[in-house]
Amino acid sequence: MGSWDTTSFGNDAACDWLAELLDSGSMAMIDDALDSVLSSGDEPIESPAGEEAVAACEVLAWIQGRPGPSSDETEGLEDWVDEQEPDEDDGRLRRARRAIDRIFNHPCELREAWEESADFDEWRKSLTDLKGRLADS
């Protein structure tokens, strides 16, 4: 296993996703990451999909001016965010909050992995904080 910590970008799948976002500049990547979690139906959410959705939610929080902790993984994100406009309608933010709820409440490999770790409470706090930063202004 590679990187693994409780922050939004603290794992390999999220870091890879963020690097691709910064290279492509495409907001569609955020929508795709949210859709992969929200459209999973009755199927369990696979861990990489959950990790990418959390990363997408974090990027949205940064765009709204509510960033989480900076780290080596977020190098370049601030410059990219400065080029983005906050969402005028709350649709994408509502979908992001729903994605976090789905990770918590639907069968999800990511949550199950954290439940088996000593850091589950810290991870849950991190996601709860993220969801709060996605709330309406």
C-alpha atoms as a PDB file:
ATOM      1  CA  MET A   1       0.000   0.000   0.000  1.00  0.00           C
ATOM      2  CA  GLY A   2       1.218   3.508  -0.807  1.00  0.00           C
ATOM      3  CA  SER A   3       0.203   6.758   0.864  1.00  0.00           C
ATOM      4  CA  TRP A   4      -2.566   6.450   3.379  1.00  0.00           C
ATOM      5  CA  ASP A   5      -3.656   9.142   5.838  1.00  0.00           C
ATOM      6  CA  THR A   6      -6.887  10.811   6.883  1.00  0.00           C
ATOM      7  CA  THR A   7      -6.591  13.920   4.720  1.00  0.00           C
ATOM      8  CA  SER A   8      -8.493  14.273   1.467  1.00  0.00           C
ATOM      9  CA  PHE A   9      -5.353  13.897  -0.634  1.00  0.00           C
ATOM     10  CA  GLY A  10      -3.628  11.473   1.724  1.00  0.00           C
ATOM     11  CA  ASN A  11      -3.722   8.432  -0.540  1.00  0.00           C
ATOM     12  CA  ASP A  12      -2.341   7.450  -3.910  1.00  0.00           C
ATOM     13  CA  ALA A  13      -5.628   7.397  -5.841  1.00  0.00           C
ATOM     14  CA  ALA A  14      -6.522  10.917  -4.680  1.00  0.00           C
ATOM     15  CA  CYS A  15      -3.016  12.232  -5.410  1.00  0.00           C
ATOM     16  CA  ASP A  16      -3.062  10.731  -8.889  1.00  0.00           C
ATOM     17  CA  TRP A  17      -6.541  12.144  -9.510  1.00  0.00           C
ATOM     18  CA  LEU A  18      -5.440  15.615  -8.339  1.00  0.00           C
ATOM     19  CA  ALA A  19      -2.344  15.550 -10.556  1.00  0.00           C
ATOM     20  CA  GLU A  20      -4.509  14.651 -13.547  1.00  0.00           C
ATOM     21  CA  LEU A  21      -6.983  17.433 -12.687  1.00  0.00           C
ATOM     22  CA  LEU A  22      -4.217  20.017 -12.462  1.00  0.00           C
ATOM     23  CA  ASP A  23      -2.786  18.844 -15.804  1.00  0.00           C
ATOM     24  CA  SER A  24      -6.114  18.744 -17.615  1.00  0.00           C
ATOM     25  CA  GLY A  25      -7.796  21.706 -15.959  1.00  0.00           C
ATOM     26  CA  SER A  26     -11.147  20.038 -16.578  1.00  0.00           C
ATOM     27  CA  MET A  27     -13.975  20.633 -14.116  1.00  0.00           C
ATOM     28  CA  ALA A  28     -15.621  17.616 -15.772  1.00  0.00           C
ATOM     29  CA  MET A  29     -13.239  15.449 -13.739  1.00  0.00           C
ATOM     30  CA  ILE A  30     -14.949  16.697 -10.571  1.00  0.00           C
ATOM     31  CA  ASP A  31     -18.362  15.807 -11.976  1.00  0.00           C
ATOM     32  CA  ASP A  32     -17.129  12.379 -13.071  1.00  0.00           C
ATOM     33  CA  ALA A  33     -15.694  11.625  -9.620  1.00  0.00           C
ATOM     34  CA  LEU A  34     -18.949  12.622  -7.911  1.00  0.00           C
ATOM     35  CA  ASP A  35     -21.035  10.699 -10.459  1.00  0.00           C
ATOM     36  CA  SER A  36     -19.062   7.499  -9.901  1.00  0.00           C
ATOM     37  CA  VAL A  37     -20.147   7.500  -6.247  1.00  0.00           C
ATOM     38  CA  LEU A  38     -23.658   8.849  -6.723  1.00  0.00           C
ATOM     39  CA  SER A  39     -24.538   6.466  -9.544  1.00  0.00           C
ATOM     40  CA  SER A  40     -23.244   3.271  -7.946  1.00  0.00           C
ATOM     41  CA  GLY A  41     -26.779   2.010  -7.320  1.00  0.00           C
ATOM     42  CA  ASP A  42     -26.808  -1.001  -5.017  1.00  0.00           C
ATOM     43  CA  GLU A  43     -23.198  -1.882  -5.840  1.00  0.00           C
ATOM     44  CA  PRO A  44     -20.572  -1.168  -3.185  1.00  0.00           C
ATOM     45  CA  ILE A  45     -18.470   1.894  -3.878  1.00  0.00           C
ATOM     46  CA  GLU A  46     -14.964   0.781  -4.750  1.00  0.00           C
ATOM     47  CA  SER A  47     -12.165   2.362  -2.747  1.00  0.00           C
ATOM     48  CA  PRO A  48     -10.530   4.324  -5.619  1.00  0.00           C
ATOM     49  CA  ALA A  49     -13.894   5.834  -6.578  1.00  0.00           C
ATOM     50  CA  GLY A  50     -14.460   6.910  -2.984  1.00  0.00           C
ATOM     51  CA  GLU A  51     -10.957   8.365  -2.717  1.00  0.00           C
ATOM     52  CA  GLU A  52     -11.378  10.326  -5.949  1.00  0.00           C
ATOM     53  CA  ALA A  53     -14.798  11.621  -4.870  1.00  0.00           C
ATOM     54  CA  VAL A  54     -13.362  12.842  -1.574  1.00  0.00           C
ATOM     55  CA  ALA A  55     -10.552  14.577  -3.481  1.00  0.00           C
ATOM     56  CA  ALA A  56     -13.115  16.183  -5.815  1.00  0.00           C
ATOM     57  CA  CYS A  57     -15.100  17.408  -2.812  1.00  0.00           C
ATOM     58  CA  GLU A  58     -11.939  18.916  -1.339  1.00  0.00           C
ATOM     59  CA  VAL A  59     -11.186  20.738  -4.586  1.00  0.00           C
ATOM     60  CA  LEU A  60     -14.723  22.151  -4.567  1.00  0.00           C
ATOM     61  CA  ALA A  61     -14.230  23.371  -1.006  1.00  0.00           C
ATOM     62  CA  TRP A  62     -10.988  25.086  -2.088  1.00  0.00           C
ATOM     63  CA  ILE A  63     -12.806  26.730  -5.022  1.00  0.00           C
ATOM     64  CA  GLN A  64     -15.416  28.050  -2.578  1.00  0.00           C
ATOM     65  CA  GLY A  65     -12.630  29.634  -0.516  1.00  0.00           C
ATOM     66  CA  ARG A  66     -12.795  27.031   2.256  1.00  0.00           C
ATOM     67  CA  PRO A  67      -9.589  25.022   1.823  1.00  0.00           C
ATOM     68  CA  GLY A  68      -8.507  22.193   4.031  1.00  0.00           C
ATOM     69  CA  PRO A  69      -4.968  21.713   5.232  1.00  0.00           C
ATOM     70  CA  SER A  70      -2.197  22.294   2.711  1.00  0.00           C
ATOM     71  CA  SER A  71       0.440  19.647   2.127  1.00  0.00           C
ATOM     72  CA  ASP A  72       2.966  18.597  -0.478  1.00  0.00           C
ATOM     73  CA  GLU A  73       0.093  16.958  -2.363  1.00  0.00           C
ATOM     74  CA  THR A  74      -1.722  20.303  -2.747  1.00  0.00           C
ATOM     75  CA  GLU A  75       1.204  22.083  -4.401  1.00  0.00           C
ATOM     76  CA  GLY A  76      -0.198  23.762  -7.484  1.00  0.00           C
ATOM     77  CA  LEU A  77      -3.809  23.495  -6.357  1.00  0.00           C
ATOM     78  CA  GLU A  78      -3.988  27.074  -5.085  1.00  0.00           C
ATOM     79  CA  ASP A  79      -2.871  28.454  -8.465  1.00  0.00           C
ATOM     80  CA  TRP A  80      -5.384  26.217 -10.277  1.00  0.00           C
ATOM     81  CA  VAL A  81      -8.169  27.248  -7.889  1.00  0.00           C
ATOM     82  CA  ASP A  82      -7.388  30.936  -8.478  1.00  0.00           C
ATOM     83  CA  GLU A  83      -8.352  30.392 -12.123  1.00  0.00           C
ATOM     84  CA  GLN A  84     -11.766  28.900 -11.220  1.00  0.00           C
ATOM     85  CA  GLU A  85     -15.026  30.622 -10.410  1.00  0.00           C
ATOM     86  CA  PRO A  86     -17.057  29.565  -7.363  1.00  0.00           C
ATOM     87  CA  ASP A  87     -20.251  27.768  -8.361  1.00  0.00           C
ATOM     88  CA  GLU A  88     -23.095  30.252  -8.578  1.00  0.00           C
ATOM     89  CA  ASP A  89     -25.727  27.568  -8.195  1.00  0.00           C
ATOM     90  CA  ASP A  90     -25.360  25.103  -5.390  1.00  0.00           C
ATOM     91  CA  GLY A  91     -25.935  22.004  -7.554  1.00  0.00           C
ATOM     92  CA  ARG A  92     -22.369  20.741  -7.622  1.00  0.00           C
ATOM     93  CA  LEU A  93     -21.917  21.454  -3.891  1.00  0.00           C
ATOM     94  CA  ARG A  94     -25.155  19.590  -3.067  1.00  0.00           C
ATOM     95  CA  ARG A  95     -23.921  16.634  -5.111  1.00  0.00           C
ATOM     96  CA  ALA A  96     -20.595  16.742  -3.258  1.00  0.00           C
ATOM     97  CA  ARG A  97     -22.339  16.659   0.133  1.00  0.00           C
ATOM     98  CA  ARG A  98     -24.484  13.753  -1.101  1.00  0.00           C
ATOM     99  CA  ALA A  99     -21.350  11.913  -2.241  1.00  0.00           C
ATOM    100  CA  ILE A 100     -19.845  12.216   1.247  1.00  0.00           C
ATOM    101  CA  ASP A 101     -23.107  10.974   2.785  1.00  0.00           C
ATOM    102  CA  ARG A 102     -23.108   8.048   0.377  1.00  0.00           C
ATOM    103  CA  ILE A 103     -19.536   7.113   1.334  1.00  0.00           C
ATOM    104  CA  PHE A 104     -20.631   7.118   4.994  1.00  0.00           C
ATOM    105  CA  ASN A 105     -23.980   5.349   4.567  1.00  0.00           C
ATOM    106  CA  HIS A 106     -23.719   3.030   1.557  1.00  0.00           C
ATOM    107  CA  PRO A 107     -21.543  -0.072   1.251  1.00  0.00           C
ATOM    108  CA  CYS A 108     -18.138   1.454   0.542  1.00  0.00           C
ATOM    109  CA  GLU A 109     -14.723  -0.208   0.458  1.00  0.00           C
ATOM    110  CA  LEU A 110     -13.023   3.029   1.530  1.00  0.00           C
ATOM    111  CA  ARG A 111     -15.133   3.397   4.668  1.00  0.00           C
ATOM    112  CA  GLU A 112     -14.752  -0.306   5.464  1.00  0.00           C
ATOM    113  CA  ALA A 113     -10.958  -0.011   5.227  1.00  0.00           C
ATOM    114  CA  TRP A 114     -10.986   2.951   7.587  1.00  0.00           C
ATOM    115  CA  GLU A 115     -13.340   1.173   9.998  1.00  0.00           C
ATOM    116  CA  GLU A 116     -10.682  -1.507  10.376  1.00  0.00           C
ATOM    117  CA  SER A 117      -7.991   1.051  11.227  1.00  0.00           C
ATOM    118  CA  ALA A 118      -7.153   2.809  14.475  1.00  0.00           C
ATOM    119  CA  ASP A 119      -7.631   6.148  12.654  1.00  0.00           C
ATOM    120  CA  PHE A 120     -11.305   5.705  11.731  1.00  0.00           C
ATOM    121  CA  ASP A 121     -12.513   8.461  14.078  1.00  0.00           C
ATOM    122  CA  GLU A 122      -9.928  10.885  12.679  1.00  0.00           C
ATOM    123  CA  TRP A 123     -10.953  10.015   9.090  1.00  0.00           C
ATOM    124  CA  ARG A 124     -14.633  10.466   9.960  1.00  0.00           C
ATOM    125  CA  LYS A 125     -13.854  13.890  11.509  1.00  0.00           C
ATOM    126  CA  SER A 126     -11.930  14.849   8.385  1.00  0.00           C
ATOM    127  CA  LEU A 127     -14.896  14.018   6.136  1.00  0.00           C
ATOM    128  CA  THR A 128     -17.369  15.702   8.488  1.00  0.00           C
ATOM    129  CA  ASP A 129     -15.212  18.838   8.377  1.00  0.00           C
ATOM    130  CA  LEU A 130     -15.052  18.622   4.576  1.00  0.00           C
ATOM    131  CA  LYS A 131     -18.822  18.309   4.302  1.00  0.00           C
ATOM    132  CA  GLY A 132     -19.182  21.385   6.517  1.00  0.00           C
ATOM    133  CA  ARG A 133     -16.846  23.345   4.267  1.00  0.00           C
ATOM    134  CA  LEU A 134     -19.124  22.445   1.338  1.00  0.00           C
ATOM    135  CA  ALA A 135     -22.168  23.962   3.072  1.00  0.00           C
ATOM    136  CA  ASP A 136     -23.978  26.970   1.731  1.00  0.00           C
ATOM    137  CA  SER A 137     -22.296  30.319   2.381  1.00  0.00           C
END
